Amino acid sequence: MKFRSFLYTLAKLLGDVNAVRRGRIGRRIGRRVAGRVVGKQVFRRMFK
């Protein structure tokens, strides 16, 4: 399981580097924040 989490972390970092190169880091950060907010809302509704 540690190896898989390492691969996911590496993929996330490579995506960040790619976004910086293309000048789209703001979009990436915005989407990440939006995903966390929506995820929290879904979990709250599921476990009310």
Protein backbone atom coordinates (compact mmCIF):
# COMPACT_ATOMS: atom_id res chain seq x y z
CA MET A 1 0.00 0.00 0.00
CA LYS A 2 2.90 2.37 0.65
CA PHE A 3 4.15 1.94 -2.89
CA ARG A 4 0.76 2.82 -4.35
CA SER A 5 0.46 5.96 -2.22
CA PHE A 6 3.98 6.92 -3.31
CA LEU A 7 2.95 6.58 -6.95
CA TYR A 8 -0.17 8.72 -6.41
CA THR A 9 1.91 11.39 -4.68
CA LEU A 10 4.45 11.32 -7.48
CA ALA A 11 1.73 11.65 -10.11
CA LYS A 12 0.26 14.62 -8.24
CA LEU A 13 3.63 16.35 -8.09
CA LEU A 14 4.29 15.71 -11.78
CA GLY A 15 0.88 17.19 -12.58
CA ASP A 16 1.76 20.27 -10.53
CA VAL A 17 5.07 20.67 -12.36
CA ASN A 18 3.31 20.31 -15.71
CA ALA A 19 0.71 22.91 -14.70
CA VAL A 20 3.43 25.37 -13.69
CA ARG A 21 5.19 24.88 -17.03
CA ARG A 22 1.99 25.55 -18.94
CA GLY A 23 0.99 28.46 -16.72
CA ARG A 24 -2.18 26.79 -15.44
CA ILE A 25 -1.35 26.33 -11.77
CA GLY A 26 -4.20 28.62 -10.69
CA ARG A 27 -6.76 26.41 -12.41
CA ARG A 28 -5.26 23.29 -10.88
CA ILE A 29 -5.30 24.71 -7.36
CA GLY A 30 -8.86 25.97 -7.84
CA ARG A 31 -10.08 22.58 -8.99
CA ARG A 32 -8.33 20.83 -6.12
CA VAL A 33 -9.96 23.16 -3.57
CA ALA A 34 -13.36 22.80 -5.25
CA GLY A 35 -13.03 19.01 -5.18
CA ARG A 36 -12.29 19.01 -1.46
CA VAL A 37 -15.28 21.26 -0.71
CA VAL A 38 -17.66 19.11 -2.75
CA GLY A 39 -16.26 15.93 -1.21
CA LYS A 40 -16.82 17.25 2.30
CA GLN A 41 -20.39 18.21 1.47
CA VAL A 42 -21.13 14.77 0.04
CA PHE A 43 -19.75 13.03 3.13
CA ARG A 44 -21.75 15.28 5.43
CA ARG A 45 -24.95 14.39 3.58
CA MET A 46 -24.15 10.69 3.60
CA PHE A 47 -23.39 10.45 7.30
CA LYS A 48 -25.96 12.84 8.75
